[in-house]
Every structure is written in structure tokens, then in C-alpha cells.
PDB file of all heavy atoms in Angstrom:
ATOM      1  N   TYR A   1      25.501  -0.582  63.489  1.00  0.00           N
ATOM      2  CA  TYR A   1      25.677  -1.511  64.596  1.00  0.00           C
ATOM      3  C   TYR A   1      25.147  -2.917  64.303  1.00  0.00           C
ATOM      4  O   TYR A   1      25.602  -3.891  64.888  1.00  0.00           O
ATOM      5  CB  TYR A   1      24.984  -0.980  65.853  1.00  0.00           C
ATOM      6  CG  TYR A   1      25.460   0.389  66.239  1.00  0.00           C
ATOM      7  CD1 TYR A   1      24.696   1.513  65.969  1.00  0.00           C
ATOM      8  CD2 TYR A   1      26.701   0.560  66.857  1.00  0.00           C
ATOM      9  CE1 TYR A   1      25.135   2.777  66.311  1.00  0.00           C
ATOM     10  CE2 TYR A   1      27.152   1.825  67.203  1.00  0.00           C
ATOM     11  CZ  TYR A   1      26.369   2.925  66.936  1.00  0.00           C
ATOM     12  OH  TYR A   1      26.809   4.161  67.277  1.00  0.00           O
ATOM     13  N   ILE A   2      24.141  -3.022  63.427  1.00  0.00           N
ATOM     14  CA  ILE A   2      23.505  -4.307  63.141  1.00  0.00           C
ATOM     15  C   ILE A   2      23.838  -4.700  61.708  1.00  0.00           C
ATOM     16  O   ILE A   2      23.497  -4.000  60.766  1.00  0.00           O
ATOM     17  CB  ILE A   2      21.980  -4.223  63.323  1.00  0.00           C
ATOM     18  CG1 ILE A   2      21.640  -3.799  64.753  1.00  0.00           C
ATOM     19  CG2 ILE A   2      21.328  -5.547  62.983  1.00  0.00           C
ATOM     20  CD1 ILE A   2      20.177  -3.519  64.986  1.00  0.00           C
ATOM     21  N   GLN A   3      24.476  -5.835  61.554  1.00  0.00           N
ATOM     22  CA  GLN A   3      24.842  -6.321  60.236  1.00  0.00           C
ATOM     23  C   GLN A   3      23.936  -7.488  59.862  1.00  0.00           C
ATOM     24  O   GLN A   3      23.587  -8.322  60.694  1.00  0.00           O
ATOM     25  CB  GLN A   3      26.303  -6.796  60.232  1.00  0.00           C
ATOM     26  CG  GLN A   3      27.292  -5.712  60.581  1.00  0.00           C
ATOM     27  CD  GLN A   3      27.326  -4.601  59.533  1.00  0.00           C
ATOM     28  OE1 GLN A   3      27.241  -4.866  58.340  1.00  0.00           O
ATOM     29  NE2 GLN A   3      27.445  -3.369  59.993  1.00  0.00           N
ATOM     30  N   GLY A   4      23.501  -7.581  58.623  1.00  0.00           N
ATOM     31  CA  GLY A   4      22.704  -8.695  58.140  1.00  0.00           C
ATOM     32  C   GLY A   4      21.212  -8.480  58.361  1.00  0.00           C
ATOM     33  O   GLY A   4      20.750  -7.401  58.678  1.00  0.00           O
ATOM     34  N   GLU A   5      20.492  -9.584  58.173  1.00  0.00           N
ATOM     35  CA  GLU A   5      19.044  -9.548  58.263  1.00  0.00           C
ATOM     36  C   GLU A   5      18.592  -9.638  59.728  1.00  0.00           C
ATOM     37  O   GLU A   5      19.104 -10.428  60.502  1.00  0.00           O
ATOM     38  CB  GLU A   5      18.473 -10.730  57.473  1.00  0.00           C
ATOM     39  CG  GLU A   5      16.977 -10.710  57.355  1.00  0.00           C
ATOM     40  CD  GLU A   5      16.467 -11.870  56.512  1.00  0.00           C
ATOM     41  OE1 GLU A   5      17.144 -12.240  55.539  1.00  0.00           O
ATOM     42  OE2 GLU A   5      15.412 -12.401  56.861  1.00  0.00           O
ATOM     43  N   VAL A   6      17.602  -8.824  60.085  1.00  0.00           N
ATOM     44  CA  VAL A   6      17.068  -8.823  61.444  1.00  0.00           C
ATOM     45  C   VAL A   6      15.706  -9.507  61.431  1.00  0.00           C
ATOM     46  O   VAL A   6      14.843  -9.178  60.630  1.00  0.00           O
ATOM     47  CB  VAL A   6      16.917  -7.375  61.976  1.00  0.00           C
ATOM     48  CG1 VAL A   6      16.281  -7.383  63.352  1.00  0.00           C
ATOM     49  CG2 VAL A   6      18.260  -6.679  61.986  1.00  0.00           C
ATOM     50  N   LYS A   7      15.545 -10.490  62.310  1.00  0.00           N
ATOM     51  CA  LYS A   7      14.256 -11.170  62.438  1.00  0.00           C
ATOM     52  C   LYS A   7      13.638 -10.789  63.776  1.00  0.00           C
ATOM     53  O   LYS A   7      14.316 -10.785  64.793  1.00  0.00           O
ATOM     54  CB  LYS A   7      14.430 -12.682  62.368  1.00  0.00           C
ATOM     55  CG  LYS A   7      14.848 -13.154  61.007  1.00  0.00           C
ATOM     56  CD  LYS A   7      14.862 -14.649  60.962  1.00  0.00           C
ATOM     57  CE  LYS A   7      15.268 -15.099  59.567  1.00  0.00           C
ATOM     58  NZ  LYS A   7      15.182 -16.532  59.416  1.00  0.00           N
ATOM     59  N   LEU A   8      12.374 -10.500  63.725  1.00  0.00           N
ATOM     60  CA  LEU A   8      11.644 -10.108  64.924  1.00  0.00           C
ATOM     61  C   LEU A   8      10.581 -11.161  65.201  1.00  0.00           C
ATOM     62  O   LEU A   8       9.821 -11.537  64.316  1.00  0.00           O
ATOM     63  CB  LEU A   8      10.971  -8.738  64.712  1.00  0.00           C
ATOM     64  CG  LEU A   8      10.121  -8.214  65.851  1.00  0.00           C
ATOM     65  CD1 LEU A   8      10.999  -7.942  67.068  1.00  0.00           C
ATOM     66  CD2 LEU A   8       9.420  -6.937  65.415  1.00  0.00           C
ATOM     67  N   THR A   9      10.548 -11.644  66.423  1.00  0.00           N
ATOM     68  CA  THR A   9       9.556 -12.637  66.818  1.00  0.00           C
ATOM     69  C   THR A   9       8.696 -12.052  67.930  1.00  0.00           C
ATOM     70  O   THR A   9       9.207 -11.534  68.922  1.00  0.00           O
ATOM     71  CB  THR A   9      10.239 -13.914  67.336  1.00  0.00           C
ATOM     72  OG1 THR A   9      11.117 -14.399  66.329  1.00  0.00           O
ATOM     73  CG2 THR A   9       9.222 -14.969  67.697  1.00  0.00           C
ATOM     74  N   VAL A  10       7.374 -12.146  67.750  1.00  0.00           N
ATOM     75  CA  VAL A  10       6.435 -11.680  68.766  1.00  0.00           C
ATOM     76  C   VAL A  10       5.720 -12.898  69.322  1.00  0.00           C
ATOM     77  O   VAL A  10       5.183 -13.707  68.577  1.00  0.00           O
ATOM     78  CB  VAL A  10       5.406 -10.693  68.157  1.00  0.00           C
ATOM     79  CG1 VAL A  10       4.379 -10.287  69.199  1.00  0.00           C
ATOM     80  CG2 VAL A  10       6.110  -9.483  67.581  1.00  0.00           C
ATOM     81  N   THR A  11       5.735 -13.025  70.634  1.00  0.00           N
ATOM     82  CA  THR A  11       5.063 -14.139  71.290  1.00  0.00           C
ATOM     83  C   THR A  11       3.950 -13.598  72.172  1.00  0.00           C
ATOM     84  O   THR A  11       4.190 -12.750  73.030  1.00  0.00           O
ATOM     85  CB  THR A  11       6.055 -14.926  72.165  1.00  0.00           C
ATOM     86  OG1 THR A  11       7.156 -15.325  71.351  1.00  0.00           O
ATOM     87  CG2 THR A  11       5.405 -16.141  72.780  1.00  0.00           C
ATOM     88  N   ILE A  12       2.729 -14.106  71.950  1.00  0.00           N
ATOM     89  CA  ILE A  12       1.601 -13.728  72.793  1.00  0.00           C
ATOM     90  C   ILE A  12       1.551 -14.706  73.945  1.00  0.00           C
ATOM     91  O   ILE A  12       1.368 -15.913  73.748  1.00  0.00           O
ATOM     92  CB  ILE A  12       0.287 -13.746  71.987  1.00  0.00           C
ATOM     93  CG1 ILE A  12       0.377 -12.748  70.841  1.00  0.00           C
ATOM     94  CG2 ILE A  12      -0.893 -13.464  72.891  1.00  0.00           C
ATOM     95  CD1 ILE A  12      -0.793 -12.797  69.886  1.00  0.00           C
ATOM     96  N   THR A  13       1.726 -14.195  75.154  1.00  0.00           N
ATOM     97  CA  THR A  13       1.768 -15.079  76.321  1.00  0.00           C
ATOM     98  C   THR A  13       0.391 -15.349  76.892  1.00  0.00           C
ATOM     99  O   THR A  13       0.180 -16.358  77.544  1.00  0.00           O
ATOM    100  CB  THR A  13       2.653 -14.483  77.431  1.00  0.00           C
ATOM    101  OG1 THR A  13       2.145 -13.204  77.782  1.00  0.00           O
ATOM    102  CG2 THR A  13       4.099 -14.378  76.957  1.00  0.00           C
ATOM    103  N   SER A  14      -0.552 -14.452  76.660  1.00  0.00           N
ATOM    104  CA  SER A  14      -1.893 -14.666  77.193  1.00  0.00           C
ATOM    105  C   SER A  14      -2.898 -13.883  76.362  1.00  0.00           C
ATOM    106  O   SER A  14      -2.653 -12.747  75.998  1.00  0.00           O
ATOM    107  CB  SER A  14      -1.967 -14.201  78.647  1.00  0.00           C
ATOM    108  OG  SER A  14      -3.286 -14.301  79.114  1.00  0.00           O
ATOM    109  N   THR A  15      -4.027 -14.514  76.096  1.00  0.00           N
ATOM    110  CA  THR A  15      -5.099 -13.823  75.399  1.00  0.00           C
ATOM    111  C   THR A  15      -6.249 -13.520  76.342  1.00  0.00           C
ATOM    112  O   THR A  15      -7.286 -13.053  75.929  1.00  0.00           O
ATOM    113  CB  THR A  15      -5.628 -14.675  74.226  1.00  0.00           C
ATOM    114  OG1 THR A  15      -6.107 -15.917  74.752  1.00  0.00           O
ATOM    115  CG2 THR A  15      -4.559 -14.909  73.192  1.00  0.00           C
ATOM    116  N   VAL A  16      -6.050 -13.814  77.615  1.00  0.00           N
ATOM    117  CA  VAL A  16      -7.089 -13.583  78.610  1.00  0.00           C
ATOM    118  C   VAL A  16      -7.147 -12.091  78.940  1.00  0.00           C
ATOM    119  O   VAL A  16      -6.143 -11.499  79.322  1.00  0.00           O
ATOM    120  CB  VAL A  16      -6.810 -14.393  79.896  1.00  0.00           C
ATOM    121  CG1 VAL A  16      -7.856 -14.095  80.947  1.00  0.00           C
ATOM    122  CG2 VAL A  16      -6.748 -15.868  79.575  1.00  0.00           C
ATOM    123  N   THR A  17      -8.309 -11.515  78.741  1.00  0.00           N
ATOM    124  CA  THR A  17      -8.518 -10.121  79.088  1.00  0.00           C
ATOM    125  C   THR A  17      -9.192 -10.075  80.448  1.00  0.00           C
ATOM    126  O   THR A  17     -10.199 -10.729  80.664  1.00  0.00           O
ATOM    127  CB  THR A  17      -9.419  -9.433  78.046  1.00  0.00           C
ATOM    128  OG1 THR A  17      -8.836  -9.574  76.766  1.00  0.00           O
ATOM    129  CG2 THR A  17      -9.613  -7.978  78.369  1.00  0.00           C
ATOM    130  N   GLN A  18      -8.624  -9.319  81.347  1.00  0.00           N
ATOM    131  CA  GLN A  18      -9.239  -9.197  82.659  1.00  0.00           C
ATOM    132  C   GLN A  18     -10.418  -8.250  82.564  1.00  0.00           C
ATOM    133  O   GLN A  18     -10.393  -7.266  81.836  1.00  0.00           O
ATOM    134  CB  GLN A  18      -8.218  -8.709  83.670  1.00  0.00           C
ATOM    135  CG  GLN A  18      -7.133  -9.737  83.901  1.00  0.00           C
ATOM    136  CD  GLN A  18      -6.143  -9.272  84.928  1.00  0.00           C
ATOM    137  OE1 GLN A  18      -5.748  -8.117  84.931  1.00  0.00           O
ATOM    138  NE2 GLN A  18      -5.737 -10.174  85.806  1.00  0.00           N
ATOM    139  N   LYS A  19     -11.463  -8.577  83.333  1.00  0.00           N
ATOM    140  CA  LYS A  19     -12.689  -7.801  83.259  1.00  0.00           C
ATOM    141  C   LYS A  19     -13.199  -7.488  84.646  1.00  0.00           C
ATOM    142  O   LYS A  19     -12.794  -8.083  85.626  1.00  0.00           O
ATOM    143  CB  LYS A  19     -13.762  -8.581  82.491  1.00  0.00           C
ATOM    144  CG  LYS A  19     -13.377  -8.837  81.057  1.00  0.00           C
ATOM    145  CD  LYS A  19     -14.493  -9.508  80.304  1.00  0.00           C
ATOM    146  CE  LYS A  19     -14.017  -9.823  78.912  1.00  0.00           C
ATOM    147  NZ  LYS A  19     -14.751  -9.268  77.874  1.00  0.00           N
ATOM    148  N   VAL A  20     -14.136  -6.551  84.683  1.00  0.00           N
ATOM    149  CA  VAL A  20     -14.878  -6.235  85.891  1.00  0.00           C
ATOM    150  C   VAL A  20     -16.354  -6.291  85.515  1.00  0.00           C
ATOM    151  O   VAL A  20     -16.748  -5.822  84.447  1.00  0.00           O
ATOM    152  CB  VAL A  20     -14.474  -4.858  86.468  1.00  0.00           C
ATOM    153  CG1 VAL A  20     -14.758  -3.736  85.508  1.00  0.00           C
ATOM    154  CG2 VAL A  20     -15.164  -4.603  87.786  1.00  0.00           C
ATOM    155  N   ALA A  21     -17.168  -6.937  86.348  1.00  0.00           N
ATOM    156  CA  ALA A  21     -18.608  -7.040  86.099  1.00  0.00           C
ATOM    157  C   ALA A  21     -19.309  -5.909  86.841  1.00  0.00           C
ATOM    158  O   ALA A  21     -19.033  -5.674  88.021  1.00  0.00           O
ATOM    159  CB  ALA A  21     -19.132  -8.382  86.567  1.00  0.00           C
ATOM    160  N   VAL A  22     -20.206  -5.213  86.136  1.00  0.00           N
ATOM    161  CA  VAL A  22     -20.978  -4.138  86.751  1.00  0.00           C
ATOM    162  C   VAL A  22     -22.445  -4.527  86.644  1.00  0.00           C
ATOM    163  O   VAL A  22     -22.971  -4.691  85.539  1.00  0.00           O
ATOM    164  CB  VAL A  22     -20.711  -2.778  86.064  1.00  0.00           C
ATOM    165  CG1 VAL A  22     -21.469  -1.671  86.767  1.00  0.00           C
ATOM    166  CG2 VAL A  22     -19.221  -2.470  86.043  1.00  0.00           C
ATOM    167  N   LEU A  23     -23.094  -4.688  87.799  1.00  0.00           N
ATOM    168  CA  LEU A  23     -24.467  -5.172  87.855  1.00  0.00           C
ATOM    169  C   LEU A  23     -25.344  -4.221  88.664  1.00  0.00           C
ATOM    170  O   LEU A  23     -24.849  -3.424  89.450  1.00  0.00           O
ATOM    171  CB  LEU A  23     -24.505  -6.554  88.524  1.00  0.00           C
ATOM    172  CG  LEU A  23     -23.619  -7.624  87.928  1.00  0.00           C
ATOM    173  CD1 LEU A  23     -23.592  -8.848  88.835  1.00  0.00           C
ATOM    174  CD2 LEU A  23     -24.108  -7.997  86.545  1.00  0.00           C
ATOM    175  N   GLY A  24     -26.652  -4.361  88.490  1.00  0.00           N
ATOM    176  CA  GLY A  24     -27.600  -3.595  89.296  1.00  0.00           C
ATOM    177  C   GLY A  24     -28.110  -2.377  88.567  1.00  0.00           C
ATOM    178  O   GLY A  24     -28.303  -2.385  87.345  1.00  0.00           O
ATOM    179  N   GLU A  25     -28.307  -1.306  89.311  1.00  0.00           N
ATOM    180  CA  GLU A  25     -28.925  -0.084  88.796  1.00  0.00           C
ATOM    181  C   GLU A  25     -27.910   0.819  88.087  1.00  0.00           C
ATOM    182  O   GLU A  25     -27.572   1.898  88.558  1.00  0.00           O
ATOM    183  CB  GLU A  25     -29.624   0.670  89.934  1.00  0.00           C
ATOM    184  CG  GLU A  25     -30.838  -0.039  90.473  1.00  0.00           C
ATOM    185  CD  GLU A  25     -31.919  -0.232  89.423  1.00  0.00           C
ATOM    186  OE1 GLU A  25     -32.228   0.712  88.691  1.00  0.00           O
ATOM    187  OE2 GLU A  25     -32.457  -1.346  89.347  1.00  0.00           O
ATOM    188  N   VAL A  26     -27.426   0.329  86.952  1.00  0.00           N
ATOM    189  CA  VAL A  26     -26.560   1.109  86.064  1.00  0.00           C
ATOM    190  C   VAL A  26     -27.191   1.089  84.675  1.00  0.00           C
ATOM    191  O   VAL A  26     -28.044   0.253  84.388  1.00  0.00           O
ATOM    192  CB  VAL A  26     -25.117   0.552  86.009  1.00  0.00           C
ATOM    193  CG1 VAL A  26     -24.408   0.755  87.335  1.00  0.00           C
ATOM    194  CG2 VAL A  26     -25.094  -0.903  85.612  1.00  0.00           C
ATOM    195  N   SER A  27     -26.769   1.996  83.825  1.00  0.00           N
ATOM    196  CA  SER A  27     -27.359   2.078  82.489  1.00  0.00           C
ATOM    197  C   SER A  27     -27.089   0.837  81.652  1.00  0.00           C
ATOM    198  O   SER A  27     -27.969   0.369  80.935  1.00  0.00           O
ATOM    199  CB  SER A  27     -26.833   3.307  81.754  1.00  0.00           C
ATOM    200  OG  SER A  27     -27.271   4.472  82.421  1.00  0.00           O
ATOM    201  N   LYS A  28     -25.860   0.299  81.728  1.00  0.00           N
ATOM    202  CA  LYS A  28     -25.505  -0.875  80.916  1.00  0.00           C
ATOM    203  C   LYS A  28     -24.802  -1.911  81.778  1.00  0.00           C
ATOM    204  O   LYS A  28     -23.601  -1.805  82.027  1.00  0.00           O
ATOM    205  CB  LYS A  28     -24.592  -0.456  79.763  1.00  0.00           C
ATOM    206  CG  LYS A  28     -25.232   0.475  78.747  1.00  0.00           C
ATOM    207  CD  LYS A  28     -24.252   0.846  77.658  1.00  0.00           C
ATOM    208  CE  LYS A  28     -23.350   1.929  78.207  1.00  0.00           C
ATOM    209  NZ  LYS A  28     -22.376   2.460  77.288  1.00  0.00           N
ATOM    210  N   GLN A  29     -25.549  -2.933  82.228  1.00  0.00           N
ATOM    211  CA  GLN A  29     -24.930  -4.026  82.978  1.00  0.00           C
ATOM    212  C   GLN A  29     -24.097  -4.843  82.002  1.00  0.00           C
ATOM    213  O   GLN A  29     -24.586  -5.257  80.961  1.00  0.00           O
ATOM    214  CB  GLN A  29     -26.005  -4.913  83.598  1.00  0.00           C
ATOM    215  CG  GLN A  29     -26.843  -4.224  84.637  1.00  0.00           C
ATOM    216  CD  GLN A  29     -27.807  -5.183  85.279  1.00  0.00           C
ATOM    217  OE1 GLN A  29     -27.396  -6.222  85.785  1.00  0.00           O
ATOM    218  NE2 GLN A  29     -29.082  -4.836  85.274  1.00  0.00           N
ATOM    219  N   GLU A  30     -22.841  -5.042  82.345  1.00  0.00           N
ATOM    220  CA  GLU A  30     -21.940  -5.677  81.379  1.00  0.00           C
ATOM    221  C   GLU A  30     -20.655  -6.075  82.091  1.00  0.00           C
ATOM    222  O   GLU A  30     -20.381  -5.648  83.204  1.00  0.00           O
ATOM    223  CB  GLU A  30     -21.628  -4.664  80.266  1.00  0.00           C
ATOM    224  CG  GLU A  30     -20.828  -5.186  79.113  1.00  0.00           C
ATOM    225  CD  GLU A  30     -21.675  -5.967  78.118  1.00  0.00           C
ATOM    226  OE1 GLU A  30     -22.783  -5.538  77.795  1.00  0.00           O
ATOM    227  OE2 GLU A  30     -21.176  -7.006  77.681  1.00  0.00           O
ATOM    228  N   ASN A  31     -19.854  -6.885  81.414  1.00  0.00           N
ATOM    229  CA  ASN A  31     -18.472  -7.143  81.821  1.00  0.00           C
ATOM    230  C   ASN A  31     -17.607  -6.193  81.016  1.00  0.00           C
ATOM    231  O   ASN A  31     -17.656  -6.196  79.786  1.00  0.00           O
ATOM    232  CB  ASN A  31     -18.065  -8.586  81.518  1.00  0.00           C
ATOM    233  CG  ASN A  31     -18.773  -9.565  82.411  1.00  0.00           C
ATOM    234  OD1 ASN A  31     -18.953  -9.323  83.579  1.00  0.00           O
ATOM    235  ND2 ASN A  31     -19.172 -10.686  81.842  1.00  0.00           N
TER     236      ASN A  31
END
């Protein structure tokens, strides 16, 4: 079905990782 050379392009739209902050009386306070 595909003739010739196939080019693949990857675009990163965002590098922002969403996080949740956990504070107080927990073993590891962290984002």
C-alpha cells in the first residue's frame, strides 16, 4: 500500500508535567 520512503515526524506539544503536591503528615512530602 505504501510506495517509496516513509518519513515520520514526532512533535512534542508540551513538556509540562502536571503534578500534585502532598504536604503535612505523610512519609514523603513532595510534588
